[in-house]
C-alpha cells in the first residue's frame, strides 16, 4: 500500500501553523527541531535551533499532515481538499480553518449538488471543502 501525505513548507512559522492545524483536526503532533538533530546550517545559511526540521500531525480521522521550516524558500500554492459526507465534521473544520483567514468562496450549495467552499487560512494555505449532497 502507498500513502500520499501533504508536506507543507513555511518560512519560520511551522510550529505555529502545525499547532493551529492540530486545533482544527485534533490528533497527535510531533515536532523535531533543527537543534534536536544537531543541524546548524544548510547550504552555508544558519538554521535556527528552534526551527522545525520536520513536523507531523496524525489525526484520529486518518489524516497525516507534515511540514517544515524552509526560510526564504517557499511560496504557498496549490490546495488541500477536504471532502466527505459528514456535514457537521466538515463544517467544523471549515469554521476553524476560516478563523483569521480569507474566504475565497463561501461554503454553500454548489451547482453539482454538494456544499463547497474555498478558504485561505491565516498561514496562506488554500483549502477546498466539499460536503457531499444527498444522493436521492
N, C-alpha and C. Protein backbone atom coordinates (compact mmCIF):
# COMPACT_ATOMS: atom_id res chain seq x y z
N UNK A 1 0.84 -1.18 0.00
CA UNK A 1 0.00 0.00 0.00
C UNK A 1 0.88 1.24 0.00
N UNK A 2 0.50 2.24 -0.75
CA UNK A 2 1.18 3.53 -0.78
C UNK A 2 0.28 4.57 -0.14
N UNK A 3 0.90 5.57 0.47
CA UNK A 3 0.15 6.65 1.13
C UNK A 3 0.66 7.98 0.61
N UNK A 4 -0.24 8.87 0.29
CA UNK A 4 0.09 10.21 -0.16
C UNK A 4 -0.23 11.18 0.98
N UNK A 5 0.78 11.94 1.42
CA UNK A 5 0.59 12.90 2.50
C UNK A 5 1.04 14.29 2.07
N UNK A 6 0.23 15.33 2.32
CA UNK A 6 0.69 16.69 2.06
C UNK A 6 1.88 17.03 2.95
N UNK A 7 2.88 17.70 2.36
CA UNK A 7 4.06 18.17 3.10
C UNK A 7 4.21 19.64 2.79
N UNK A 8 3.96 20.49 3.79
CA UNK A 8 3.96 21.93 3.61
C UNK A 8 5.28 22.53 4.07
N UNK A 9 5.66 23.64 3.45
CA UNK A 9 6.85 24.40 3.86
C UNK A 9 6.41 25.79 4.29
N UNK A 10 7.00 26.25 5.38
CA UNK A 10 6.71 27.57 5.90
C UNK A 10 8.02 28.31 6.12
N UNK A 11 7.92 29.63 6.20
CA UNK A 11 9.09 30.49 6.37
C UNK A 11 9.27 30.84 7.84
N UNK A 12 9.54 29.82 8.67
CA UNK A 12 9.84 30.08 10.08
C UNK A 12 8.68 29.97 11.04
N UNK A 13 7.46 29.70 10.54
CA UNK A 13 6.33 29.61 11.46
C UNK A 13 5.63 28.25 11.40
N UNK A 14 6.39 27.22 11.09
CA UNK A 14 5.82 25.87 11.00
C UNK A 14 5.19 25.43 12.31
N UNK A 15 5.88 25.67 13.41
CA UNK A 15 5.35 25.21 14.71
C UNK A 15 3.98 25.83 14.97
N UNK A 16 3.84 27.13 14.75
CA UNK A 16 2.55 27.80 14.97
C UNK A 16 1.49 27.26 14.00
N UNK A 17 1.87 27.06 12.74
CA UNK A 17 0.92 26.54 11.76
C UNK A 17 0.45 25.14 12.15
N UNK A 18 1.37 24.28 12.52
CA UNK A 18 1.00 22.90 12.85
C UNK A 18 0.19 22.83 14.14
N UNK A 19 0.48 23.70 15.10
CA UNK A 19 -0.35 23.77 16.31
C UNK A 19 -1.76 24.24 15.96
N UNK A 20 -1.86 25.16 15.00
CA UNK A 20 -3.17 25.60 14.52
C UNK A 20 -3.92 24.42 13.88
N UNK A 21 -3.25 23.67 13.00
CA UNK A 21 -3.90 22.54 12.35
C UNK A 21 -4.29 21.46 13.37
N UNK A 22 -3.50 21.31 14.42
CA UNK A 22 -3.88 20.39 15.49
C UNK A 22 -5.15 20.87 16.17
N UNK A 23 -5.31 22.19 16.34
CA UNK A 23 -6.53 22.71 16.95
C UNK A 23 -7.73 22.53 16.03
N UNK A 24 -7.50 22.48 14.72
CA UNK A 24 -8.57 22.27 13.75
C UNK A 24 -8.97 20.80 13.70
N UNK A 25 -7.98 19.91 13.52
CA UNK A 25 -8.24 18.49 13.25
C UNK A 25 -8.05 17.57 14.45
N UNK A 26 -7.45 18.07 15.53
CA UNK A 26 -7.12 17.19 16.65
C UNK A 26 -5.92 16.33 16.29
N UNK A 27 -5.68 15.31 17.07
CA UNK A 27 -4.61 14.37 16.77
C UNK A 27 -3.33 14.63 17.53
N UNK A 28 -2.32 13.87 17.15
CA UNK A 28 -1.01 13.93 17.82
C UNK A 28 -0.01 14.66 16.93
N UNK A 29 0.66 15.66 17.51
CA UNK A 29 1.65 16.44 16.79
C UNK A 29 3.03 16.12 17.33
N UNK A 30 3.93 15.74 16.43
CA UNK A 30 5.33 15.53 16.78
C UNK A 30 6.17 16.53 16.01
N UNK A 31 7.06 17.22 16.73
CA UNK A 31 7.89 18.25 16.12
C UNK A 31 9.35 17.96 16.44
N UNK A 32 10.19 18.02 15.40
CA UNK A 32 11.62 17.82 15.54
C UNK A 32 12.31 19.11 15.09
N UNK A 33 13.07 19.74 15.97
CA UNK A 33 13.74 21.00 15.65
C UNK A 33 15.12 20.73 15.06
N UNK A 34 15.63 21.71 14.31
CA UNK A 34 16.97 21.58 13.73
C UNK A 34 18.00 21.33 14.84
N UNK A 35 17.87 22.06 15.96
CA UNK A 35 18.81 21.90 17.06
C UNK A 35 18.78 20.50 17.65
N UNK A 36 17.59 19.85 17.65
CA UNK A 36 17.48 18.49 18.17
C UNK A 36 18.32 17.52 17.37
N UNK A 37 18.54 17.83 16.09
CA UNK A 37 19.28 16.96 15.19
C UNK A 37 20.72 17.44 14.99
N UNK A 38 21.12 18.47 15.72
CA UNK A 38 22.47 18.99 15.60
C UNK A 38 22.73 19.76 14.31
N UNK A 39 21.65 20.16 13.64
CA UNK A 39 21.81 20.91 12.39
C UNK A 39 21.91 22.40 12.71
N UNK A 40 22.98 23.04 12.22
CA UNK A 40 23.19 24.46 12.48
C UNK A 40 23.18 25.30 11.21
N UNK A 41 23.33 24.64 10.04
CA UNK A 41 23.31 25.38 8.78
C UNK A 41 22.88 24.48 7.63
N UNK A 42 22.43 25.12 6.57
CA UNK A 42 22.05 24.43 5.34
C UNK A 42 22.56 25.26 4.17
N UNK A 43 23.40 24.67 3.35
CA UNK A 43 23.98 25.35 2.20
C UNK A 43 24.59 26.69 2.60
N UNK A 44 25.32 26.68 3.73
CA UNK A 44 26.01 27.87 4.21
C UNK A 44 25.16 28.87 4.94
N UNK A 45 23.85 28.62 5.01
CA UNK A 45 22.95 29.53 5.72
C UNK A 45 22.66 28.99 7.12
N UNK A 46 22.74 29.84 8.15
CA UNK A 46 22.46 29.36 9.51
C UNK A 46 21.00 28.94 9.67
N UNK A 47 20.80 27.93 10.49
CA UNK A 47 19.46 27.45 10.81
C UNK A 47 19.16 27.75 12.27
N UNK A 48 17.98 28.25 12.58
CA UNK A 48 17.65 28.49 13.99
C UNK A 48 17.48 27.16 14.72
N UNK A 49 18.05 27.06 15.90
CA UNK A 49 17.99 25.81 16.67
C UNK A 49 16.55 25.38 16.93
N UNK A 50 15.64 26.35 17.10
CA UNK A 50 14.26 26.00 17.38
C UNK A 50 13.41 25.92 16.11
N UNK A 51 14.03 26.11 14.94
CA UNK A 51 13.32 25.96 13.68
C UNK A 51 12.89 24.52 13.48
N UNK A 52 11.81 24.31 12.76
CA UNK A 52 11.25 22.97 12.60
C UNK A 52 11.86 22.26 11.40
N UNK A 53 12.58 21.18 11.69
CA UNK A 53 13.13 20.33 10.64
C UNK A 53 12.04 19.44 10.06
N UNK A 54 11.17 18.93 10.93
CA UNK A 54 10.07 18.07 10.49
C UNK A 54 8.98 18.08 11.55
N UNK A 55 7.74 18.26 11.10
CA UNK A 55 6.58 18.16 11.98
C UNK A 55 5.58 17.23 11.32
N UNK A 56 4.92 16.42 12.15
CA UNK A 56 3.91 15.50 11.63
C UNK A 56 2.71 15.49 12.55
N UNK A 57 1.55 15.76 11.94
CA UNK A 57 0.28 15.70 12.66
C UNK A 57 -0.46 14.48 12.15
N UNK A 58 -0.80 13.57 13.06
CA UNK A 58 -1.56 12.37 12.72
C UNK A 58 -2.87 12.44 13.50
N UNK A 59 -3.99 12.35 12.77
CA UNK A 59 -5.29 12.53 13.41
C UNK A 59 -6.05 11.21 13.51
N UNK A 60 -7.03 11.19 14.40
CA UNK A 60 -7.90 10.02 14.55
C UNK A 60 -8.72 9.77 13.29
N UNK A 61 -8.93 10.81 12.48
CA UNK A 61 -9.70 10.67 11.24
C UNK A 61 -8.87 10.05 10.12
N UNK A 62 -7.58 9.80 10.38
CA UNK A 62 -6.73 9.18 9.37
C UNK A 62 -5.94 10.16 8.54
N UNK A 63 -5.99 11.46 8.89
CA UNK A 63 -5.20 12.45 8.16
C UNK A 63 -3.77 12.45 8.69
N UNK A 64 -2.83 12.65 7.81
CA UNK A 64 -1.45 12.93 8.20
C UNK A 64 -1.01 14.15 7.42
N UNK A 65 -0.57 15.16 8.14
CA UNK A 65 -0.09 16.40 7.55
C UNK A 65 1.31 16.63 8.06
N UNK A 66 2.24 16.89 7.15
CA UNK A 66 3.63 17.11 7.53
C UNK A 66 4.08 18.49 7.06
N UNK A 67 5.12 19.03 7.73
CA UNK A 67 5.61 20.36 7.37
C UNK A 67 7.01 20.58 7.91
N UNK A 68 7.66 21.62 7.38
CA UNK A 68 9.00 22.00 7.83
C UNK A 68 9.21 23.48 7.57
N UNK A 69 10.16 24.07 8.32
CA UNK A 69 10.58 25.43 8.04
C UNK A 69 11.57 25.40 6.88
N UNK A 70 11.34 26.25 5.91
CA UNK A 70 12.23 26.41 4.76
C UNK A 70 12.41 27.90 4.54
N UNK A 71 13.16 28.56 5.42
CA UNK A 71 13.26 30.02 5.36
C UNK A 71 13.65 30.52 3.96
N UNK A 72 12.82 31.44 3.46
CA UNK A 72 13.11 32.07 2.18
C UNK A 72 12.92 31.19 0.97
N UNK A 73 12.43 29.96 1.15
CA UNK A 73 12.36 29.03 0.03
C UNK A 73 10.95 28.60 -0.32
N UNK A 74 9.94 29.27 0.17
CA UNK A 74 8.61 28.77 -0.15
C UNK A 74 7.65 29.89 -0.51
N UNK A 75 6.74 29.55 -1.33
CA UNK A 75 5.57 30.36 -1.62
C UNK A 75 4.40 29.40 -1.64
N UNK A 76 3.46 29.53 -0.70
CA UNK A 76 2.35 28.59 -0.70
C UNK A 76 1.59 28.65 -2.01
N UNK A 77 1.34 27.50 -2.59
CA UNK A 77 0.46 27.42 -3.75
C UNK A 77 -0.20 26.06 -3.75
N UNK A 78 -1.16 25.88 -4.62
CA UNK A 78 -1.93 24.64 -4.62
C UNK A 78 -3.00 24.69 -3.55
N UNK A 79 -3.69 23.58 -3.39
CA UNK A 79 -4.80 23.49 -2.45
C UNK A 79 -4.79 22.13 -1.76
N UNK A 80 -5.33 22.10 -0.57
CA UNK A 80 -5.59 20.85 0.12
C UNK A 80 -7.10 20.69 0.15
N UNK A 81 -7.58 19.54 -0.25
CA UNK A 81 -9.01 19.30 -0.37
C UNK A 81 -9.49 18.40 0.76
N UNK A 82 -10.57 18.82 1.41
CA UNK A 82 -11.27 18.01 2.41
C UNK A 82 -12.64 17.70 1.83
N UNK A 83 -13.00 16.44 1.80
CA UNK A 83 -14.31 16.10 1.25
C UNK A 83 -14.88 14.90 1.98
N UNK A 84 -16.19 14.75 1.89
CA UNK A 84 -16.86 13.63 2.52
C UNK A 84 -18.33 13.95 2.70
N UNK A 85 -19.00 13.11 3.47
CA UNK A 85 -20.43 13.30 3.67
C UNK A 85 -20.79 13.63 5.12
N UNK A 86 -19.80 13.85 5.97
CA UNK A 86 -20.05 14.19 7.37
C UNK A 86 -20.17 15.70 7.51
N UNK A 87 -21.38 16.19 7.31
CA UNK A 87 -21.66 17.63 7.26
C UNK A 87 -21.13 18.38 8.47
N UNK A 88 -21.51 17.98 9.68
CA UNK A 88 -21.12 18.72 10.89
C UNK A 88 -19.60 18.71 11.06
N UNK A 89 -18.95 17.59 10.81
CA UNK A 89 -17.50 17.49 10.95
C UNK A 89 -16.80 18.43 9.97
N UNK A 90 -17.18 18.38 8.71
CA UNK A 90 -16.54 19.21 7.70
C UNK A 90 -16.83 20.69 7.90
N UNK A 91 -18.04 21.03 8.33
CA UNK A 91 -18.35 22.44 8.62
C UNK A 91 -17.53 22.93 9.82
N UNK A 92 -17.28 22.06 10.79
CA UNK A 92 -16.42 22.43 11.92
C UNK A 92 -15.00 22.72 11.46
N UNK A 93 -14.47 21.87 10.58
CA UNK A 93 -13.14 22.13 10.01
C UNK A 93 -13.14 23.47 9.29
N UNK A 94 -14.17 23.69 8.47
CA UNK A 94 -14.29 24.94 7.71
C UNK A 94 -14.27 26.15 8.65
N UNK A 95 -15.07 26.10 9.69
CA UNK A 95 -15.15 27.23 10.62
C UNK A 95 -13.78 27.52 11.24
N UNK A 96 -13.08 26.48 11.66
CA UNK A 96 -11.79 26.68 12.31
C UNK A 96 -10.72 27.12 11.31
N UNK A 97 -10.73 26.57 10.10
CA UNK A 97 -9.76 27.00 9.08
C UNK A 97 -10.01 28.44 8.66
N UNK A 98 -11.26 28.87 8.67
CA UNK A 98 -11.61 30.23 8.25
C UNK A 98 -11.21 31.28 9.28
N UNK A 99 -11.08 30.88 10.55
CA UNK A 99 -10.77 31.82 11.62
C UNK A 99 -9.42 32.49 11.35
N UNK A 100 -9.46 33.78 11.09
CA UNK A 100 -8.25 34.54 10.80
C UNK A 100 -7.79 34.44 9.35
N UNK A 101 -8.53 33.67 8.55
CA UNK A 101 -8.17 33.50 7.15
C UNK A 101 -9.05 34.35 6.24
N UNK A 102 -9.02 34.01 4.95
CA UNK A 102 -9.80 34.73 3.95
C UNK A 102 -10.66 33.75 3.17
N UNK A 103 -11.96 33.93 3.23
CA UNK A 103 -12.88 33.06 2.49
C UNK A 103 -12.92 33.54 1.05
N UNK A 104 -12.47 32.68 0.14
CA UNK A 104 -12.50 32.99 -1.29
C UNK A 104 -13.84 32.62 -1.91
N UNK A 105 -14.39 31.48 -1.49
CA UNK A 105 -15.70 31.02 -1.95
C UNK A 105 -16.46 30.55 -0.71
N UNK A 106 -17.57 31.18 -0.37
CA UNK A 106 -18.32 30.76 0.83
C UNK A 106 -18.77 29.29 0.73
N UNK A 107 -18.83 28.64 1.87
CA UNK A 107 -19.29 27.25 1.92
C UNK A 107 -20.81 27.26 1.79
N UNK A 108 -21.28 26.90 0.61
CA UNK A 108 -22.72 26.90 0.34
C UNK A 108 -23.03 25.93 -0.79
N UNK A 109 -24.30 25.79 -1.09
CA UNK A 109 -24.74 24.85 -2.13
C UNK A 109 -24.05 25.17 -3.45
N UNK A 110 -23.53 24.12 -4.09
CA UNK A 110 -22.84 24.25 -5.37
C UNK A 110 -23.72 23.69 -6.49
N UNK A 111 -23.48 24.09 -7.73
CA UNK A 111 -24.29 23.61 -8.85
C UNK A 111 -24.32 22.09 -9.00
N UNK A 112 -23.28 21.40 -8.51
CA UNK A 112 -23.23 19.95 -8.66
C UNK A 112 -23.95 19.20 -7.53
N UNK A 113 -24.61 19.95 -6.65
CA UNK A 113 -25.43 19.32 -5.63
C UNK A 113 -24.78 19.16 -4.27
N UNK A 114 -23.51 19.43 -4.15
CA UNK A 114 -22.80 19.36 -2.88
C UNK A 114 -22.73 20.77 -2.28
N UNK A 115 -22.21 20.86 -1.07
CA UNK A 115 -21.83 22.15 -0.50
C UNK A 115 -20.33 22.29 -0.71
N UNK A 116 -19.89 23.47 -1.13
CA UNK A 116 -18.49 23.68 -1.46
C UNK A 116 -18.05 25.06 -1.01
N UNK A 117 -16.80 25.14 -0.55
CA UNK A 117 -16.21 26.42 -0.20
C UNK A 117 -14.71 26.37 -0.34
N UNK A 118 -14.11 27.54 -0.45
CA UNK A 118 -12.65 27.67 -0.57
C UNK A 118 -12.18 28.76 0.37
N UNK A 119 -11.17 28.46 1.19
CA UNK A 119 -10.64 29.42 2.15
C UNK A 119 -9.12 29.36 2.14
N UNK A 120 -8.50 30.53 2.31
CA UNK A 120 -7.05 30.61 2.53
C UNK A 120 -6.88 30.87 4.01
N UNK A 121 -6.24 29.92 4.72
CA UNK A 121 -6.11 30.07 6.17
C UNK A 121 -5.10 31.17 6.52
N UNK A 122 -4.97 31.44 7.80
CA UNK A 122 -4.12 32.54 8.25
C UNK A 122 -2.63 32.29 8.00
N UNK A 123 -2.27 31.09 7.55
CA UNK A 123 -0.89 30.79 7.21
C UNK A 123 -0.66 30.76 5.70
N UNK A 124 -1.70 31.12 4.92
CA UNK A 124 -1.57 31.20 3.48
C UNK A 124 -1.83 29.91 2.73
N UNK A 125 -2.33 28.89 3.42
CA UNK A 125 -2.62 27.61 2.77
C UNK A 125 -4.07 27.62 2.29
N UNK A 126 -4.28 27.19 1.05
CA UNK A 126 -5.61 27.14 0.45
C UNK A 126 -6.27 25.80 0.74
N UNK A 127 -7.51 25.85 1.18
CA UNK A 127 -8.30 24.66 1.49
C UNK A 127 -9.58 24.66 0.68
N UNK A 128 -9.92 23.52 0.13
CA UNK A 128 -11.19 23.28 -0.55
C UNK A 128 -11.99 22.34 0.34
N UNK A 129 -13.23 22.68 0.62
CA UNK A 129 -14.10 21.80 1.43
C UNK A 129 -15.32 21.48 0.59
N UNK A 130 -15.56 20.18 0.39
CA UNK A 130 -16.70 19.70 -0.38
C UNK A 130 -17.48 18.71 0.47
N UNK A 131 -18.75 19.05 0.74
CA UNK A 131 -19.61 18.17 1.54
C UNK A 131 -20.64 17.56 0.60
N UNK A 132 -20.60 16.24 0.50
CA UNK A 132 -21.48 15.55 -0.44
C UNK A 132 -22.93 15.82 -0.13
N UNK A 133 -23.71 16.08 -1.20
CA UNK A 133 -25.14 16.27 -1.06
C UNK A 133 -25.83 14.93 -0.98
N UNK A 134 -27.11 14.96 -0.72
CA UNK A 134 -27.85 13.70 -0.66
C UNK A 134 -27.96 13.09 -2.05
N UNK A 135 -27.81 11.80 -2.11
CA UNK A 135 -27.84 11.09 -3.37
C UNK A 135 -29.21 10.46 -3.60
N UNK A 136 -30.25 11.30 -3.56
CA UNK A 136 -31.61 10.82 -3.63
C UNK A 136 -31.95 10.41 -4.97
